[in-house]
Amino acid sequence: MEVMKDRYSITELSEYLNVTDHTLRYYEREFNLYVPKDKRGRRCYTPELANIMYKIKAMRDDGLEIKAIKKILQSENIITEPPPVVTGDISVPVPKRNHSESILDIKTFFQEFEKQLTNSFSQEVELAKEHMTNELNKTKLELGACFENNVRRLESKLDKHFENVDRSIGMWREKNKDGLFKRLRKKVFRL
């Protein structure tokens, strides 16, 4: 994209890219982009952000999904991966440093920390496993539907082919039915 200005409003950029304002705000959220705002709180797209939006729109126009575009932009270091989301409270109270603490208290602290950390990881693994299972089931259904459609198309083509073969055989029989009787008459009457 050729940058002609040092900043764009959301309306200017949406008109330039031929997308809606809502689409630009959606891209901001999905790609974790920070768009500076002026004193009135209006978005001011820098040339770099305008170019990123242009790349995103071009890839969407080419049919790429949001996930694929994210991976491409991350691999090109155009955007960064957002920090992981923590879904539970894994805070562990840090004991105050006291010279009278015993080794047993410290050991207990780390054992409790280990339990909480293990539980947190277990929950995340289960959520990831459930998500992957859902995605695999969805993909399985989509593949099954594609397979069924292809089988139906093939059956339809085969039905048409066999109808043509049956019609051709019928026409041949009809054409040669009279020919057989004529040949038989000639053989019979020649004798």
C-alpha atoms as a PDB file:
ATOM      1  CA  MET A   1       0.000   0.000   0.000  1.00  0.00           C
ATOM      2  CA  GLU A   2       1.282   3.431  -0.813  1.00  0.00           C
ATOM      3  CA  VAL A   3       1.136   5.599   2.291  1.00  0.00           C
ATOM      4  CA  MET A   4       0.113   9.108   1.401  1.00  0.00           C
ATOM      5  CA  LYS A   5      -0.446  10.575   4.844  1.00  0.00           C
ATOM      6  CA  ASP A   6       1.271  10.523   8.195  1.00  0.00           C
ATOM      7  CA  ARG A   7      -1.965   9.397   9.876  1.00  0.00           C
ATOM      8  CA  TYR A   8      -5.447   8.197   8.954  1.00  0.00           C
ATOM      9  CA  SER A   9      -8.739   8.397  10.815  1.00  0.00           C
ATOM     10  CA  ILE A  10     -10.761   5.194  11.009  1.00  0.00           C
ATOM     11  CA  THR A  11     -13.205   6.563   8.421  1.00  0.00           C
ATOM     12  CA  GLU A  12     -10.435   7.525   5.985  1.00  0.00           C
ATOM     13  CA  LEU A  13      -8.716   4.153   6.304  1.00  0.00           C
ATOM     14  CA  SER A  14     -11.947   2.185   6.017  1.00  0.00           C
ATOM     15  CA  GLU A  15     -12.858   4.085   2.834  1.00  0.00           C
ATOM     16  CA  TYR A  16      -9.348   3.647   1.435  1.00  0.00           C
ATOM     17  CA  LEU A  17      -9.401  -0.126   2.116  1.00  0.00           C
ATOM     18  CA  ASN A  18     -13.081  -0.478   1.176  1.00  0.00           C
ATOM     19  CA  VAL A  19     -14.046  -2.069   4.510  1.00  0.00           C
ATOM     20  CA  THR A  20     -16.273  -0.979   7.363  1.00  0.00           C
ATOM     21  CA  ASP A  21     -15.120   0.782  10.528  1.00  0.00           C
ATOM     22  CA  HIS A  22     -16.327  -2.275  12.409  1.00  0.00           C
ATOM     23  CA  THR A  23     -13.975  -4.480  10.355  1.00  0.00           C
ATOM     24  CA  LEU A  24     -10.970  -2.346  11.307  1.00  0.00           C
ATOM     25  CA  ARG A  25     -11.904  -2.470  15.000  1.00  0.00           C
ATOM     26  CA  TYR A  26     -12.349  -6.244  14.675  1.00  0.00           C
ATOM     27  CA  TYR A  27      -8.850  -6.576  13.162  1.00  0.00           C
ATOM     28  CA  GLU A  28      -7.452  -4.459  16.025  1.00  0.00           C
ATOM     29  CA  ARG A  29      -8.888  -6.885  18.587  1.00  0.00           C
ATOM     30  CA  GLU A  30      -8.056 -10.087  16.699  1.00  0.00           C
ATOM     31  CA  PHE A  31      -4.467  -9.103  15.908  1.00  0.00           C
ATOM     32  CA  ASN A  32      -3.850  -7.376  19.247  1.00  0.00           C
ATOM     33  CA  LEU A  33      -2.951  -4.065  17.586  1.00  0.00           C
ATOM     34  CA  TYR A  34      -2.595  -0.860  19.578  1.00  0.00           C
ATOM     35  CA  VAL A  35      -3.997   2.113  17.670  1.00  0.00           C
ATOM     36  CA  PRO A  36      -3.140   5.494  19.231  1.00  0.00           C
ATOM     37  CA  LYS A  37      -5.918   7.995  19.788  1.00  0.00           C
ATOM     38  CA  ASP A  38      -5.957  11.766  19.539  1.00  0.00           C
ATOM     39  CA  LYS A  39      -7.043  14.185  22.289  1.00  0.00           C
ATOM     40  CA  ARG A  40     -10.697  13.559  21.472  1.00  0.00           C
ATOM     41  CA  GLY A  41     -10.298   9.780  21.688  1.00  0.00           C
ATOM     42  CA  ARG A  42     -10.467   9.156  17.921  1.00  0.00           C
ATOM     43  CA  ARG A  43      -8.246   6.508  16.377  1.00  0.00           C
ATOM     44  CA  CYS A  44      -5.190   7.742  14.463  1.00  0.00           C
ATOM     45  CA  TYR A  45      -3.716   5.048  12.242  1.00  0.00           C
ATOM     46  CA  THR A  46      -0.001   5.464  11.588  1.00  0.00           C
ATOM     47  CA  PRO A  47       1.438   4.497   8.194  1.00  0.00           C
ATOM     48  CA  GLU A  48       2.716   1.242   9.748  1.00  0.00           C
ATOM     49  CA  LEU A  49      -0.732   0.354  11.089  1.00  0.00           C
ATOM     50  CA  ALA A  50      -2.351   1.317   7.775  1.00  0.00           C
ATOM     51  CA  ASN A  51       0.060  -1.042   5.982  1.00  0.00           C
ATOM     52  CA  ILE A  52      -0.714  -3.856   8.440  1.00  0.00           C
ATOM     53  CA  MET A  53      -4.453  -3.358   7.890  1.00  0.00           C
ATOM     54  CA  TYR A  54      -3.867  -3.393   4.142  1.00  0.00           C
ATOM     55  CA  LYS A  55      -1.938  -6.697   4.389  1.00  0.00           C
ATOM     56  CA  ILE A  56      -4.663  -8.246   6.543  1.00  0.00           C
ATOM     57  CA  LYS A  57      -7.385  -7.184   4.111  1.00  0.00           C
ATOM     58  CA  ALA A  58      -5.404  -8.443   1.113  1.00  0.00           C
ATOM     59  CA  MET A  59      -4.914 -11.843   2.751  1.00  0.00           C
ATOM     60  CA  ARG A  60      -8.604 -12.014   3.703  1.00  0.00           C
ATOM     61  CA  ASP A  61      -9.490 -11.166   0.086  1.00  0.00           C
ATOM     62  CA  ASP A  62      -7.280 -14.093  -0.965  1.00  0.00           C
ATOM     63  CA  GLY A  63      -9.405 -16.360   1.240  1.00  0.00           C
ATOM     64  CA  LEU A  64      -7.099 -16.858   4.215  1.00  0.00           C
ATOM     65  CA  GLU A  65      -8.598 -17.437   7.654  1.00  0.00           C
ATOM     66  CA  ILE A  66      -7.783 -15.152  10.603  1.00  0.00           C
ATOM     67  CA  LYS A  67      -5.694 -17.868  12.319  1.00  0.00           C
ATOM     68  CA  ALA A  68      -3.542 -18.320   9.214  1.00  0.00           C
ATOM     69  CA  ILE A  69      -3.049 -14.573   8.828  1.00  0.00           C
ATOM     70  CA  LYS A  70      -1.982 -14.310  12.482  1.00  0.00           C
ATOM     71  CA  LYS A  71       0.640 -17.011  11.970  1.00  0.00           C
ATOM     72  CA  ILE A  72       1.960 -15.328   8.838  1.00  0.00           C
ATOM     73  CA  LEU A  73       2.192 -11.902  10.478  1.00  0.00           C
ATOM     74  CA  GLN A  74       3.820 -13.397  13.590  1.00  0.00           C
ATOM     75  CA  SER A  75       6.358 -15.291  11.471  1.00  0.00           C
ATOM     76  CA  GLU A  76       7.218 -12.016   9.714  1.00  0.00           C
ATOM     77  CA  ASN A  77       7.479 -10.260  13.122  1.00  0.00           C
ATOM     78  CA  ILE A  78       4.797  -7.779  12.098  1.00  0.00           C
ATOM     79  CA  ILE A  79       2.661  -8.625  15.106  1.00  0.00           C
ATOM     80  CA  THR A  80       3.541 -10.354  18.351  1.00  0.00           C
ATOM     81  CA  GLU A  81       1.786 -13.241  19.969  1.00  0.00           C
ATOM     82  CA  PRO A  82      -0.420 -12.100  22.840  1.00  0.00           C
ATOM     83  CA  PRO A  83       0.552 -13.271  26.317  1.00  0.00           C
ATOM     84  CA  PRO A  84      -1.136 -16.476  27.476  1.00  0.00           C
ATOM     85  CA  VAL A  85      -4.386 -16.106  29.338  1.00  0.00           C
ATOM     86  CA  VAL A  86      -4.405 -17.410  32.896  1.00  0.00           C
ATOM     87  CA  THR A  87      -7.790 -18.950  33.642  1.00  0.00           C
ATOM     88  CA  GLY A  88      -7.507 -19.473  37.359  1.00  0.00           C
ATOM     89  CA  ASP A  89      -6.048 -17.936  40.425  1.00  0.00           C
ATOM     90  CA  ILE A  90      -2.619 -19.504  40.805  1.00  0.00           C
ATOM     91  CA  SER A  91      -1.366 -16.933  43.233  1.00  0.00           C
ATOM     92  CA  VAL A  92       0.583 -18.357  46.094  1.00  0.00           C
ATOM     93  CA  PRO A  93       1.132 -16.334  49.217  1.00  0.00           C
ATOM     94  CA  VAL A  94       4.818 -15.651  49.596  1.00  0.00           C
ATOM     95  CA  PRO A  95       5.908 -16.139  53.158  1.00  0.00           C
ATOM     96  CA  LYS A  96       7.511 -13.202  54.841  1.00  0.00           C
ATOM     97  CA  ARG A  97      11.184 -13.567  55.380  1.00  0.00           C
ATOM     98  CA  ASN A  98      11.737 -14.341  58.943  1.00  0.00           C
ATOM     99  CA  HIS A  99      14.971 -15.707  60.288  1.00  0.00           C
ATOM    100  CA  SER A 100      13.068 -18.029  62.574  1.00  0.00           C
ATOM    101  CA  GLU A 101      11.424 -19.940  59.670  1.00  0.00           C
ATOM    102  CA  SER A 102      12.235 -23.540  59.660  1.00  0.00           C
ATOM    103  CA  ILE A 103      13.164 -25.622  56.665  1.00  0.00           C
ATOM    104  CA  LEU A 104       9.906 -27.491  57.166  1.00  0.00           C
ATOM    105  CA  ASP A 105       7.893 -24.302  56.544  1.00  0.00           C
ATOM    106  CA  ILE A 106       9.753 -23.642  53.315  1.00  0.00           C
ATOM    107  CA  LYS A 107       9.288 -27.241  52.199  1.00  0.00           C
ATOM    108  CA  THR A 108       5.543 -26.984  52.941  1.00  0.00           C
ATOM    109  CA  PHE A 109       5.360 -23.759  50.952  1.00  0.00           C
ATOM    110  CA  PHE A 110       6.933 -25.351  47.867  1.00  0.00           C
ATOM    111  CA  GLN A 111       4.781 -28.459  48.154  1.00  0.00           C
ATOM    112  CA  GLU A 112       1.647 -26.291  48.199  1.00  0.00           C
ATOM    113  CA  PHE A 113       2.977 -24.273  45.274  1.00  0.00           C
ATOM    114  CA  GLU A 114       3.639 -27.508  43.355  1.00  0.00           C
ATOM    115  CA  LYS A 115       0.051 -28.692  43.963  1.00  0.00           C
ATOM    116  CA  GLN A 116      -1.453 -25.430  42.761  1.00  0.00           C
ATOM    117  CA  LEU A 117       0.801 -25.336  39.725  1.00  0.00           C
ATOM    118  CA  THR A 118       0.007 -28.962  38.867  1.00  0.00           C
ATOM    119  CA  ASN A 119      -3.730 -28.315  39.210  1.00  0.00           C
ATOM    120  CA  SER A 120      -3.479 -25.244  37.008  1.00  0.00           C
ATOM    121  CA  PHE A 121      -1.567 -27.123  34.308  1.00  0.00           C
ATOM    122  CA  SER A 122      -3.992 -30.048  34.522  1.00  0.00           C
ATOM    123  CA  GLN A 123      -6.946 -27.738  33.967  1.00  0.00           C
ATOM    124  CA  GLU A 124      -5.263 -26.073  30.987  1.00  0.00           C
ATOM    125  CA  VAL A 125      -4.360 -29.440  29.470  1.00  0.00           C
ATOM    126  CA  GLU A 126      -7.930 -30.669  29.897  1.00  0.00           C
ATOM    127  CA  LEU A 127      -9.300 -27.516  28.270  1.00  0.00           C
ATOM    128  CA  ALA A 128      -6.856 -27.872  25.369  1.00  0.00           C
ATOM    129  CA  LYS A 129      -7.714 -31.558  25.034  1.00  0.00           C
ATOM    130  CA  GLU A 130     -11.436 -30.780  24.972  1.00  0.00           C
ATOM    131  CA  HIS A 131     -10.905 -28.038  22.389  1.00  0.00           C
ATOM    132  CA  MET A 132      -8.825 -30.332  20.189  1.00  0.00           C
ATOM    133  CA  THR A 133     -11.423 -33.102  20.466  1.00  0.00           C
ATOM    134  CA  ASN A 134     -14.168 -30.676  19.425  1.00  0.00           C
ATOM    135  CA  GLU A 135     -12.101 -29.427  16.497  1.00  0.00           C
ATOM    136  CA  LEU A 136     -11.303 -32.988  15.394  1.00  0.00           C
ATOM    137  CA  ASN A 137     -14.973 -33.979  15.607  1.00  0.00           C
ATOM    138  CA  LYS A 138     -15.964 -30.911  13.611  1.00  0.00           C
ATOM    139  CA  THR A 139     -13.334 -31.704  10.978  1.00  0.00           C
ATOM    140  CA  LYS A 140     -14.469 -35.336  10.904  1.00  0.00           C
ATOM    141  CA  LEU A 141     -18.049 -34.236  10.229  1.00  0.00           C
ATOM    142  CA  GLU A 142     -16.929 -31.824   7.512  1.00  0.00           C
ATOM    143  CA  LEU A 143     -14.835 -34.525   5.828  1.00  0.00           C
ATOM    144  CA  GLY A 144     -17.729 -36.976   6.086  1.00  0.00           C
ATOM    145  CA  ALA A 145     -20.057 -34.490   4.428  1.00  0.00           C
ATOM    146  CA  CYS A 146     -17.525 -33.867   1.633  1.00  0.00           C
ATOM    147  CA  PHE A 147     -17.111 -37.608   1.145  1.00  0.00           C
ATOM    148  CA  GLU A 148     -20.881 -38.146   0.988  1.00  0.00           C
ATOM    149  CA  ASN A 149     -21.246 -35.344  -1.568  1.00  0.00           C
ATOM    150  CA  ASN A 150     -18.517 -36.864  -3.732  1.00  0.00           C
ATOM    151  CA  VAL A 151     -20.096 -40.318  -3.484  1.00  0.00           C
ATOM    152  CA  ARG A 152     -23.480 -38.881  -4.501  1.00  0.00           C
ATOM    153  CA  ARG A 153     -21.913 -37.122  -7.493  1.00  0.00           C
ATOM    154  CA  LEU A 154     -20.112 -40.302  -8.522  1.00  0.00           C
ATOM    155  CA  GLU A 155     -23.311 -42.369  -8.158  1.00  0.00           C
ATOM    156  CA  SER A 156     -25.170 -39.831 -10.269  1.00  0.00           C
ATOM    157  CA  LYS A 157     -22.508 -39.998 -12.986  1.00  0.00           C
ATOM    158  CA  LEU A 158     -22.564 -43.802 -12.900  1.00  0.00           C
ATOM    159  CA  ASP A 159     -26.377 -43.844 -13.140  1.00  0.00           C
ATOM    160  CA  LYS A 160     -26.242 -41.572 -16.193  1.00  0.00           C
ATOM    161  CA  HIS A 161     -23.499 -43.717 -17.727  1.00  0.00           C
ATOM    162  CA  PHE A 162     -25.463 -46.948 -17.235  1.00  0.00           C
ATOM    163  CA  GLU A 163     -28.621 -45.319 -18.583  1.00  0.00           C
ATOM    164  CA  ASN A 164     -26.661 -44.380 -21.721  1.00  0.00           C
ATOM    165  CA  VAL A 165     -25.267 -47.925 -21.977  1.00  0.00           C
ATOM    166  CA  ASP A 166     -28.780 -49.432 -21.568  1.00  0.00           C
ATOM    167  CA  ARG A 167     -30.165 -47.041 -24.183  1.00  0.00           C
ATOM    168  CA  SER A 168     -27.354 -47.904 -26.598  1.00  0.00           C
ATOM    169  CA  ILE A 169     -27.865 -51.655 -26.112  1.00  0.00           C
ATOM    170  CA  GLY A 170     -31.624 -51.246 -26.606  1.00  0.00           C
ATOM    171  CA  MET A 171     -31.081 -49.291 -29.810  1.00  0.00           C
ATOM    172  CA  TRP A 172     -28.615 -51.916 -31.069  1.00  0.00           C
ATOM    173  CA  ARG A 173     -31.047 -54.726 -30.288  1.00  0.00           C
ATOM    174  CA  GLU A 174     -33.876 -52.905 -32.020  1.00  0.00           C
ATOM    175  CA  LYS A 175     -31.701 -52.243 -35.050  1.00  0.00           C
ATOM    176  CA  ASN A 176     -30.396 -55.825 -35.272  1.00  0.00           C
ATOM    177  CA  LYS A 177     -33.718 -57.552 -34.453  1.00  0.00           C
ATOM    178  CA  ASP A 178     -34.924 -57.230 -38.051  1.00  0.00           C
ATOM    179  CA  GLY A 179     -31.492 -58.148 -39.359  1.00  0.00           C
ATOM    180  CA  LEU A 180     -31.512 -61.506 -37.572  1.00  0.00           C
ATOM    181  CA  PHE A 181     -34.909 -62.491 -39.002  1.00  0.00           C
ATOM    182  CA  LYS A 182     -33.803 -61.500 -42.492  1.00  0.00           C
ATOM    183  CA  ARG A 183     -30.660 -63.618 -42.167  1.00  0.00           C
ATOM    184  CA  LEU A 184     -32.682 -66.584 -40.915  1.00  0.00           C
ATOM    185  CA  ARG A 185     -35.172 -66.267 -43.815  1.00  0.00           C
ATOM    186  CA  LYS A 186     -32.358 -66.173 -46.342  1.00  0.00           C
ATOM    187  CA  LYS A 187     -30.781 -69.290 -44.869  1.00  0.00           C
ATOM    188  CA  VAL A 188     -34.108 -71.128 -44.685  1.00  0.00           C
ATOM    189  CA  PHE A 189     -35.272 -70.268 -48.191  1.00  0.00           C
ATOM    190  CA  ARG A 190     -31.921 -71.018 -49.844  1.00  0.00           C
ATOM    191  CA  LEU A 191     -32.075 -74.562 -48.724  1.00  0.00           C
END
